[in-house]
């Protein structure tokens, strides 16, 4: 017996009703988020690299060629890390559709996470000190039965994040009949 409004696994959605996520335009996060990611990546990366190089200079003071090679390798790895962090931030996007919220993230392995608005329980906004400096916020949507955020969108402009939160809460818990 099937309940009204619910579909069993034996009754898949007809293909003509599919809503593809791969070819739909996503809203990108704020440009300030790219700056924030770059800054935090550099801070987290440069400080340990600097400390490592300083320690190597003390320990291997006589082995200057080895130290220069190690410094070059660490610098290249840091530059690659910064580049990949920026690329990951650029690829982050979201879209709000009639029945769900979809977040796309990832560089090599793209992940499209859909949160059905009818299951949405509550939405939170958070801002750290650097987020406030850049005027950004992180939106988190939670569903029934899970204490963990089901969907997270960092790097939203604060006013846009509040508008999105209000919109999602207005749609939360409403049943969408087909």
N, C-alpha and C. Protein backbone atom coordinates (compact mmCIF):
# COMPACT_ATOMS: atom_id res chain seq x y z
N UNK A 1 0.84 -1.18 0.00
CA UNK A 1 0.00 0.00 0.00
C UNK A 1 0.89 1.25 0.00
N UNK A 2 0.56 2.21 -0.81
CA UNK A 2 1.37 3.42 -0.93
C UNK A 2 0.61 4.60 -0.34
N UNK A 3 1.29 5.41 0.47
CA UNK A 3 0.68 6.58 1.09
C UNK A 3 0.61 7.71 0.07
N UNK A 4 -0.38 8.55 0.20
CA UNK A 4 -0.55 9.68 -0.72
C UNK A 4 0.66 10.61 -0.64
N UNK A 5 1.17 10.99 -1.80
CA UNK A 5 2.28 11.93 -1.84
C UNK A 5 3.65 11.29 -1.74
N UNK A 6 3.69 9.96 -1.49
CA UNK A 6 4.98 9.30 -1.38
C UNK A 6 5.15 8.32 -2.54
N UNK A 7 6.38 8.13 -2.92
CA UNK A 7 6.68 7.26 -4.05
C UNK A 7 7.58 6.14 -3.55
N UNK A 8 7.30 4.93 -3.92
CA UNK A 8 8.15 3.82 -3.52
C UNK A 8 9.33 3.71 -4.49
N UNK A 9 10.32 2.94 -4.10
CA UNK A 9 11.47 2.73 -4.97
C UNK A 9 11.09 1.99 -6.24
N UNK A 10 9.96 1.27 -6.20
CA UNK A 10 9.50 0.55 -7.37
C UNK A 10 8.84 1.48 -8.39
N UNK A 11 8.50 2.71 -7.96
CA UNK A 11 7.87 3.70 -8.84
C UNK A 11 8.82 4.87 -9.04
N UNK A 12 9.83 4.69 -9.87
CA UNK A 12 10.79 5.80 -10.03
C UNK A 12 10.15 7.00 -10.72
N UNK A 13 10.78 8.14 -10.55
CA UNK A 13 10.31 9.35 -11.20
C UNK A 13 10.53 9.18 -12.71
N UNK A 14 9.50 9.44 -13.50
CA UNK A 14 9.69 9.33 -14.96
C UNK A 14 10.80 10.28 -15.43
N UNK A 15 11.58 9.85 -16.39
CA UNK A 15 12.74 10.61 -16.84
C UNK A 15 12.39 12.02 -17.30
N UNK A 16 11.22 12.21 -17.88
CA UNK A 16 10.85 13.56 -18.35
C UNK A 16 10.62 14.52 -17.17
N UNK A 17 10.48 14.00 -15.94
CA UNK A 17 10.32 14.85 -14.77
C UNK A 17 11.64 15.10 -14.03
N UNK A 18 12.71 14.49 -14.47
CA UNK A 18 14.01 14.70 -13.83
C UNK A 18 14.41 16.15 -13.96
N UNK A 19 15.04 16.67 -12.93
CA UNK A 19 15.58 18.03 -12.96
C UNK A 19 17.10 17.88 -12.81
N UNK A 20 17.84 17.97 -13.91
CA UNK A 20 19.29 17.75 -13.82
C UNK A 20 19.97 18.88 -13.03
N UNK A 21 20.98 18.52 -12.27
CA UNK A 21 21.72 19.53 -11.51
C UNK A 21 23.04 19.89 -12.18
N UNK A 22 23.56 19.02 -13.03
CA UNK A 22 24.87 19.28 -13.62
C UNK A 22 24.86 20.43 -14.61
N UNK A 23 23.76 20.63 -15.33
CA UNK A 23 23.73 21.63 -16.39
C UNK A 23 22.87 22.84 -16.03
N UNK A 24 22.50 22.95 -14.78
CA UNK A 24 21.70 24.08 -14.31
C UNK A 24 22.64 25.13 -13.75
N UNK A 25 22.38 26.41 -14.00
CA UNK A 25 23.29 27.43 -13.48
C UNK A 25 23.22 27.54 -11.95
N UNK A 26 24.36 27.54 -11.34
CA UNK A 26 24.48 27.67 -9.90
C UNK A 26 24.82 29.11 -9.55
N UNK A 27 24.36 29.56 -8.40
CA UNK A 27 24.74 30.86 -7.88
C UNK A 27 26.09 30.69 -7.19
N UNK A 28 27.04 31.51 -7.57
CA UNK A 28 28.36 31.44 -6.97
C UNK A 28 28.36 32.18 -5.63
N UNK A 29 29.25 31.81 -4.75
CA UNK A 29 29.38 32.52 -3.49
C UNK A 29 30.07 33.87 -3.76
N UNK A 30 30.15 34.70 -2.75
CA UNK A 30 30.67 36.06 -2.91
C UNK A 30 32.15 36.06 -3.28
N UNK A 31 32.58 37.05 -4.08
CA UNK A 31 34.01 37.16 -4.43
C UNK A 31 34.90 37.32 -3.20
N UNK A 32 34.36 37.92 -2.14
CA UNK A 32 35.13 38.06 -0.91
C UNK A 32 35.50 36.73 -0.29
N UNK A 33 34.71 35.68 -0.60
CA UNK A 33 35.01 34.36 -0.08
C UNK A 33 36.33 33.84 -0.64
N UNK A 34 36.61 34.15 -1.89
CA UNK A 34 37.88 33.75 -2.50
C UNK A 34 39.05 34.41 -1.76
N UNK A 35 38.89 35.68 -1.42
CA UNK A 35 39.93 36.39 -0.66
C UNK A 35 40.10 35.77 0.72
N UNK A 36 38.98 35.44 1.36
CA UNK A 36 39.03 34.83 2.69
C UNK A 36 39.73 33.48 2.65
N UNK A 37 39.39 32.66 1.66
CA UNK A 37 40.02 31.34 1.53
C UNK A 37 41.52 31.49 1.28
N UNK A 38 41.88 32.43 0.40
CA UNK A 38 43.30 32.65 0.11
C UNK A 38 44.04 33.09 1.36
N UNK A 39 43.47 34.04 2.09
CA UNK A 39 44.11 34.55 3.30
C UNK A 39 44.28 33.46 4.35
N UNK A 40 43.22 32.70 4.61
CA UNK A 40 43.33 31.66 5.64
C UNK A 40 44.27 30.54 5.20
N UNK A 41 44.27 30.20 3.92
CA UNK A 41 45.18 29.17 3.43
C UNK A 41 46.62 29.63 3.59
N UNK A 42 46.87 30.88 3.25
CA UNK A 42 48.23 31.40 3.40
C UNK A 42 48.65 31.46 4.86
N UNK A 43 47.73 31.91 5.72
CA UNK A 43 48.07 31.99 7.15
C UNK A 43 48.34 30.61 7.72
N UNK A 44 47.49 29.66 7.36
CA UNK A 44 47.67 28.30 7.87
C UNK A 44 48.88 27.64 7.23
N UNK A 45 49.20 27.99 6.00
CA UNK A 45 50.32 27.36 5.31
C UNK A 45 51.64 28.04 5.51
N UNK A 46 51.68 29.38 5.45
CA UNK A 46 52.94 30.11 5.53
C UNK A 46 53.57 29.99 6.91
N UNK A 47 52.76 30.06 7.93
CA UNK A 47 53.32 29.99 9.29
C UNK A 47 54.02 28.66 9.53
N UNK A 48 53.37 27.49 9.26
CA UNK A 48 54.10 26.23 9.45
C UNK A 48 55.31 26.09 8.54
N UNK A 49 55.19 26.55 7.28
CA UNK A 49 56.33 26.46 6.37
C UNK A 49 57.47 27.33 6.88
N UNK A 50 57.16 28.53 7.35
CA UNK A 50 58.19 29.42 7.90
C UNK A 50 58.87 28.81 9.11
N UNK A 51 58.08 28.23 9.99
CA UNK A 51 58.64 27.58 11.18
C UNK A 51 59.50 26.40 10.77
N UNK A 52 59.02 25.60 9.82
CA UNK A 52 59.81 24.44 9.36
C UNK A 52 61.13 24.89 8.75
N UNK A 53 61.09 25.94 7.93
CA UNK A 53 62.34 26.44 7.33
C UNK A 53 63.28 27.00 8.39
N UNK A 54 62.74 27.71 9.36
CA UNK A 54 63.58 28.26 10.43
C UNK A 54 64.24 27.13 11.23
N UNK A 55 63.48 26.08 11.53
CA UNK A 55 64.05 24.94 12.25
C UNK A 55 65.11 24.23 11.42
N UNK A 56 64.85 24.10 10.12
CA UNK A 56 65.85 23.46 9.25
C UNK A 56 67.12 24.31 9.19
N UNK A 57 66.96 25.63 9.20
CA UNK A 57 68.14 26.50 9.17
C UNK A 57 68.99 26.31 10.42
N UNK A 58 68.33 26.14 11.54
CA UNK A 58 69.06 25.94 12.80
C UNK A 58 69.72 24.57 12.81
N UNK A 59 68.98 23.55 12.45
CA UNK A 59 69.49 22.18 12.52
C UNK A 59 70.51 21.90 11.42
N UNK A 60 70.23 22.36 10.22
CA UNK A 60 71.09 22.06 9.07
C UNK A 60 71.80 23.32 8.56
N UNK A 61 72.35 24.09 9.45
CA UNK A 61 72.97 25.36 9.07
C UNK A 61 74.08 25.18 8.04
N UNK A 62 74.77 24.05 8.08
CA UNK A 62 75.89 23.86 7.17
C UNK A 62 75.44 23.27 5.82
N UNK A 63 74.26 22.71 5.76
CA UNK A 63 73.79 22.06 4.54
C UNK A 63 72.89 23.02 3.76
N UNK A 64 73.45 24.12 3.31
CA UNK A 64 72.67 25.16 2.64
C UNK A 64 72.00 24.67 1.35
N UNK A 65 72.65 23.93 0.47
CA UNK A 65 71.96 23.47 -0.75
C UNK A 65 70.75 22.59 -0.44
N UNK A 66 70.88 21.73 0.55
CA UNK A 66 69.75 20.89 0.94
C UNK A 66 68.61 21.74 1.48
N UNK A 67 68.94 22.75 2.25
CA UNK A 67 67.95 23.65 2.83
C UNK A 67 67.22 24.43 1.73
N UNK A 68 67.95 24.90 0.74
CA UNK A 68 67.33 25.62 -0.36
C UNK A 68 66.39 24.72 -1.16
N UNK A 69 66.80 23.50 -1.39
CA UNK A 69 65.94 22.55 -2.10
C UNK A 69 64.68 22.26 -1.31
N UNK A 70 64.80 22.06 -0.01
CA UNK A 70 63.63 21.81 0.84
C UNK A 70 62.72 23.03 0.85
N UNK A 71 63.29 24.22 0.92
CA UNK A 71 62.50 25.44 0.90
C UNK A 71 61.75 25.60 -0.42
N UNK A 72 62.40 25.26 -1.51
CA UNK A 72 61.76 25.33 -2.83
C UNK A 72 60.59 24.34 -2.93
N UNK A 73 60.80 23.12 -2.46
CA UNK A 73 59.74 22.11 -2.49
C UNK A 73 58.56 22.56 -1.62
N UNK A 74 58.84 23.07 -0.42
CA UNK A 74 57.76 23.54 0.45
C UNK A 74 57.02 24.72 -0.16
N UNK A 75 57.72 25.61 -0.83
CA UNK A 75 57.09 26.76 -1.47
C UNK A 75 56.18 26.32 -2.61
N UNK A 76 56.64 25.36 -3.42
CA UNK A 76 55.82 24.85 -4.52
C UNK A 76 54.57 24.15 -3.97
N UNK A 77 54.73 23.36 -2.91
CA UNK A 77 53.58 22.68 -2.31
C UNK A 77 52.59 23.69 -1.73
N UNK A 78 53.10 24.75 -1.12
CA UNK A 78 52.23 25.79 -0.57
C UNK A 78 51.46 26.50 -1.70
N UNK A 79 52.15 26.81 -2.79
CA UNK A 79 51.50 27.47 -3.93
C UNK A 79 50.41 26.56 -4.52
N UNK A 80 50.68 25.27 -4.62
CA UNK A 80 49.70 24.32 -5.13
C UNK A 80 48.49 24.26 -4.19
N UNK A 81 48.74 24.25 -2.90
CA UNK A 81 47.67 24.21 -1.90
C UNK A 81 46.79 25.46 -2.00
N UNK A 82 47.41 26.63 -2.14
CA UNK A 82 46.66 27.88 -2.28
C UNK A 82 45.83 27.84 -3.57
N UNK A 83 46.43 27.40 -4.66
CA UNK A 83 45.72 27.32 -5.94
C UNK A 83 44.51 26.39 -5.85
N UNK A 84 44.69 25.20 -5.27
CA UNK A 84 43.58 24.25 -5.16
C UNK A 84 42.50 24.77 -4.22
N UNK A 85 42.88 25.47 -3.17
CA UNK A 85 41.90 26.07 -2.26
C UNK A 85 41.07 27.12 -2.98
N UNK A 86 41.74 27.95 -3.80
CA UNK A 86 41.02 28.96 -4.58
C UNK A 86 40.09 28.30 -5.59
N UNK A 87 40.57 27.27 -6.26
CA UNK A 87 39.75 26.58 -7.25
C UNK A 87 38.53 25.94 -6.60
N UNK A 88 38.71 25.36 -5.42
CA UNK A 88 37.59 24.77 -4.69
C UNK A 88 36.56 25.85 -4.31
N UNK A 89 37.05 27.02 -3.90
CA UNK A 89 36.14 28.13 -3.55
C UNK A 89 35.40 28.63 -4.79
N UNK A 90 36.08 28.69 -5.93
CA UNK A 90 35.44 29.16 -7.17
C UNK A 90 34.36 28.18 -7.66
N UNK A 91 34.56 26.91 -7.41
CA UNK A 91 33.62 25.90 -7.90
C UNK A 91 32.41 25.71 -6.98
N UNK A 92 32.46 26.29 -5.79
CA UNK A 92 31.35 26.18 -4.85
C UNK A 92 30.17 26.98 -5.37
N UNK A 93 29.01 26.37 -5.42
CA UNK A 93 27.82 27.06 -5.89
C UNK A 93 26.57 26.41 -5.31
N UNK A 94 25.47 27.13 -5.41
CA UNK A 94 24.20 26.60 -4.91
C UNK A 94 23.07 27.07 -5.82
N UNK A 95 21.95 26.36 -5.74
CA UNK A 95 20.75 26.79 -6.44
C UNK A 95 19.54 26.45 -5.58
N UNK A 96 18.59 27.36 -5.59
CA UNK A 96 17.35 27.16 -4.87
C UNK A 96 16.29 26.86 -5.92
N UNK A 97 15.70 25.69 -5.80
CA UNK A 97 14.64 25.32 -6.72
C UNK A 97 13.33 25.25 -5.94
N UNK A 98 12.25 24.96 -6.62
CA UNK A 98 10.93 24.97 -5.99
C UNK A 98 10.84 24.02 -4.79
N UNK A 99 11.44 22.81 -4.93
CA UNK A 99 11.30 21.81 -3.89
C UNK A 99 12.57 21.50 -3.12
N UNK A 100 13.70 22.04 -3.55
CA UNK A 100 14.94 21.69 -2.86
C UNK A 100 16.00 22.78 -2.99
N UNK A 101 17.05 22.57 -2.22
CA UNK A 101 18.25 23.41 -2.26
C UNK A 101 19.39 22.48 -2.65
N UNK A 102 20.16 22.87 -3.65
CA UNK A 102 21.25 22.03 -4.15
C UNK A 102 22.56 22.79 -3.97
N UNK A 103 23.56 22.11 -3.42
CA UNK A 103 24.90 22.69 -3.27
C UNK A 103 25.87 21.84 -4.07
N UNK A 104 26.70 22.53 -4.87
CA UNK A 104 27.73 21.85 -5.66
C UNK A 104 29.08 22.24 -5.09
N UNK A 105 29.91 21.25 -4.87
CA UNK A 105 31.27 21.50 -4.39
C UNK A 105 32.20 20.44 -4.93
N UNK A 106 33.48 20.78 -4.92
CA UNK A 106 34.48 19.81 -5.36
C UNK A 106 35.24 20.26 -6.58
N UNK A 107 36.46 19.78 -6.69
CA UNK A 107 37.31 20.10 -7.83
C UNK A 107 37.35 18.90 -8.77
N UNK A 108 37.93 17.84 -8.32
CA UNK A 108 38.07 16.65 -9.15
C UNK A 108 36.83 15.76 -9.03
N UNK A 109 36.35 15.58 -7.80
CA UNK A 109 35.14 14.83 -7.54
C UNK A 109 34.07 15.84 -7.16
N UNK A 110 33.15 16.06 -8.08
CA UNK A 110 32.08 17.03 -7.82
C UNK A 110 30.96 16.33 -7.06
N UNK A 111 30.47 17.03 -6.04
CA UNK A 111 29.37 16.50 -5.24
C UNK A 111 28.20 17.48 -5.32
N UNK A 112 27.04 16.97 -5.67
CA UNK A 112 25.82 17.76 -5.72
C UNK A 112 24.93 17.24 -4.59
N UNK A 113 24.71 18.06 -3.57
CA UNK A 113 23.90 17.67 -2.42
C UNK A 113 22.56 18.38 -2.50
N UNK A 114 21.48 17.61 -2.48
CA UNK A 114 20.13 18.17 -2.53
C UNK A 114 19.47 18.02 -1.16
N UNK A 115 18.92 19.11 -0.68
CA UNK A 115 18.17 19.10 0.58
C UNK A 115 16.72 19.43 0.24
N UNK A 116 15.84 18.46 0.43
CA UNK A 116 14.43 18.66 0.16
C UNK A 116 13.87 19.63 1.19
N UNK A 117 13.25 20.71 0.71
CA UNK A 117 12.78 21.75 1.62
C UNK A 117 11.69 21.26 2.56
N UNK A 118 10.92 20.26 2.15
CA UNK A 118 9.87 19.74 3.03
C UNK A 118 10.46 19.04 4.25
N UNK A 119 11.73 18.63 4.20
CA UNK A 119 12.38 17.97 5.34
C UNK A 119 13.19 18.93 6.18
N UNK A 120 13.31 20.16 5.74
CA UNK A 120 14.13 21.15 6.43
C UNK A 120 13.51 21.49 7.79
N UNK A 121 14.31 21.40 8.85
CA UNK A 121 13.84 21.71 10.20
C UNK A 121 14.20 23.12 10.62
N UNK A 122 15.46 23.47 10.47
CA UNK A 122 15.88 24.83 10.79
C UNK A 122 17.15 25.20 10.03
N UNK A 123 17.39 26.50 9.96
CA UNK A 123 18.52 27.04 9.22
C UNK A 123 19.25 28.01 10.13
N UNK A 124 20.58 27.90 10.16
CA UNK A 124 21.37 28.81 10.98
C UNK A 124 22.34 29.59 10.10
N UNK A 125 22.71 30.76 10.58
CA UNK A 125 23.76 31.57 9.96
C UNK A 125 24.86 31.73 10.98
N UNK A 126 26.10 31.66 10.54
CA UNK A 126 27.22 31.88 11.45
C UNK A 126 28.26 32.76 10.76
N UNK A 127 29.00 33.50 11.58
CA UNK A 127 30.06 34.38 11.08
C UNK A 127 31.22 34.36 12.06
N UNK A 128 32.40 34.09 11.56
CA UNK A 128 33.60 34.24 12.35
C UNK A 128 34.13 35.66 12.18
N UNK A 129 35.19 36.02 12.87
CA UNK A 129 35.73 37.38 12.76
C UNK A 129 36.14 37.76 11.33
N UNK A 130 36.78 36.85 10.61
CA UNK A 130 37.17 37.16 9.23
C UNK A 130 35.95 37.22 8.32
N UNK A 131 34.95 36.38 8.59
CA UNK A 131 33.71 36.45 7.82
C UNK A 131 33.09 37.84 7.97
N UNK A 132 33.02 38.33 9.21
CA UNK A 132 32.44 39.66 9.45
C UNK A 132 33.24 40.74 8.74
N UNK A 133 34.57 40.62 8.75
CA UNK A 133 35.42 41.60 8.10
C UNK A 133 35.11 41.68 6.60
N UNK A 134 34.88 40.53 5.98
CA UNK A 134 34.56 40.48 4.55
C UNK A 134 33.06 40.57 4.27
N UNK A 135 32.24 40.69 5.31
CA UNK A 135 30.79 40.79 5.13
C UNK A 135 30.15 39.49 4.66
N UNK A 136 30.67 38.36 5.15
CA UNK A 136 30.20 37.05 4.72
C UNK A 136 29.54 36.28 5.85
N UNK A 137 28.79 35.26 5.50
CA UNK A 137 28.16 34.37 6.48
C UNK A 137 28.12 32.96 5.91
N UNK A 138 27.98 32.00 6.80
CA UNK A 138 27.82 30.59 6.41
C UNK A 138 26.42 30.15 6.79
N UNK A 139 25.69 29.58 5.82
CA UNK A 139 24.34 29.09 6.05
C UNK A 139 24.41 27.58 6.22
N UNK A 140 23.70 27.08 7.25
CA UNK A 140 23.63 25.65 7.48
C UNK A 140 22.16 25.25 7.59
N UNK A 141 21.77 24.23 6.84
CA UNK A 141 20.40 23.72 6.88
C UNK A 141 20.39 22.35 7.53
N UNK A 142 19.44 22.14 8.45
CA UNK A 142 19.34 20.89 9.20
C UNK A 142 18.02 20.21 8.89
N UNK A 143 18.05 18.89 8.85
CA UNK A 143 16.83 18.12 8.59
C UNK A 143 16.46 17.30 9.81
N UNK A 144 15.27 16.73 9.75
CA UNK A 144 14.78 15.90 10.84
C UNK A 144 15.66 14.66 10.98
N UNK A 145 15.91 14.29 12.22
CA UNK A 145 16.62 13.05 12.49
C UNK A 145 18.14 13.13 12.43
N UNK A 146 18.70 14.32 12.26
CA UNK A 146 20.16 14.43 12.19
C UNK A 146 20.62 15.65 12.98
N UNK A 147 21.53 15.46 13.93
CA UNK A 147 22.04 16.61 14.69
C UNK A 147 23.10 17.38 13.91
N UNK A 148 23.52 16.85 12.78
CA UNK A 148 24.57 17.48 11.98
C UNK A 148 23.95 18.26 10.83
N UNK A 149 24.65 19.29 10.38
CA UNK A 149 24.16 20.06 9.24
C UNK A 149 24.09 19.14 8.02
N UNK A 150 23.00 19.19 7.36
CA UNK A 150 22.83 18.40 6.15
C UNK A 150 23.41 19.12 4.94
N UNK A 151 23.42 20.45 5.02
CA UNK A 151 23.92 21.24 3.89
C UNK A 151 24.56 22.50 4.44
N UNK A 152 25.70 22.88 3.89
CA UNK A 152 26.43 24.06 4.34
C UNK A 152 26.84 24.87 3.13
N UNK A 153 26.61 26.19 3.21
CA UNK A 153 27.02 27.09 2.13
C UNK A 153 27.84 28.22 2.77
N UNK A 154 29.16 28.15 2.68
CA UNK A 154 29.97 29.24 3.20
C UNK A 154 30.10 30.35 2.16
N UNK A 155 30.55 31.52 2.59
CA UNK A 155 30.91 32.59 1.65
C UNK A 155 29.75 33.36 1.06
N UNK A 156 28.60 33.37 1.73
CA UNK A 156 27.47 34.15 1.24
C UNK A 156 27.57 35.57 1.78
N UNK A 157 27.24 36.58 0.97
CA UNK A 157 27.14 37.93 1.52
C UNK A 157 26.10 37.92 2.64
N UNK A 158 26.37 38.62 3.72
CA UNK A 158 25.52 38.56 4.92
C UNK A 158 24.05 38.83 4.63
N UNK A 159 23.75 39.87 3.86
CA UNK A 159 22.35 40.18 3.58
C UNK A 159 21.70 39.11 2.70
N UNK A 160 22.44 38.58 1.76
CA UNK A 160 21.91 37.51 0.90
C UNK A 160 21.69 36.24 1.72
N UNK A 161 22.58 35.97 2.67
CA UNK A 161 22.43 34.79 3.53
C UNK A 161 21.16 34.90 4.37
N UNK A 162 20.89 36.10 4.89
CA UNK A 162 19.67 36.29 5.68
C UNK A 162 18.43 36.15 4.81
N UNK A 163 18.46 36.69 3.60
CA UNK A 163 17.32 36.53 2.68
C UNK A 163 17.09 35.06 2.35
N UNK A 164 18.17 34.33 2.09
CA UNK A 164 18.06 32.91 1.77
C UNK A 164 17.53 32.14 2.97
N UNK A 165 17.99 32.48 4.16
CA UNK A 165 17.49 31.82 5.38
C UNK A 165 15.99 32.04 5.54
N UNK A 166 15.55 33.27 5.35
CA UNK A 166 14.13 33.59 5.46
C UNK A 166 13.32 32.80 4.41
N UNK A 167 13.81 32.77 3.19
CA UNK A 167 13.13 32.05 2.11
C UNK A 167 13.02 30.56 2.43
N UNK A 168 14.13 29.97 2.87
CA UNK A 168 14.14 28.53 3.16
C UNK A 168 13.21 28.21 4.32
N UNK A 169 13.19 29.05 5.35
CA UNK A 169 12.32 28.78 6.49
C UNK A 169 10.85 28.94 6.11
N UNK A 170 10.55 29.84 5.18
CA UNK A 170 9.17 29.98 4.72
C UNK A 170 8.73 28.73 3.96
N UNK A 171 9.66 28.07 3.28
CA UNK A 171 9.36 26.86 2.50
C UNK A 171 9.49 25.59 3.34
N UNK A 172 10.16 25.66 4.48
CA UNK A 172 10.46 24.47 5.28
C UNK A 172 9.18 23.78 5.74
N UNK A 173 9.20 22.47 5.62
CA UNK A 173 8.11 21.66 6.13
C UNK A 173 6.87 21.66 5.27
N UNK A 174 6.85 22.41 4.19
CA UNK A 174 5.66 22.39 3.34
C UNK A 174 5.74 21.19 2.40
N UNK A 175 4.62 20.53 2.22
CA UNK A 175 4.59 19.36 1.33
C UNK A 175 4.31 19.83 -0.08
N UNK A 176 5.12 19.37 -1.01
CA UNK A 176 4.95 19.72 -2.42
C UNK A 176 4.35 18.51 -3.13
N UNK A 177 3.10 18.63 -3.49
CA UNK A 177 2.41 17.54 -4.20
C UNK A 177 2.68 17.68 -5.69
N UNK A 178 2.79 16.54 -6.39
CA UNK A 178 2.97 16.63 -7.83
C UNK A 178 1.69 16.37 -8.56
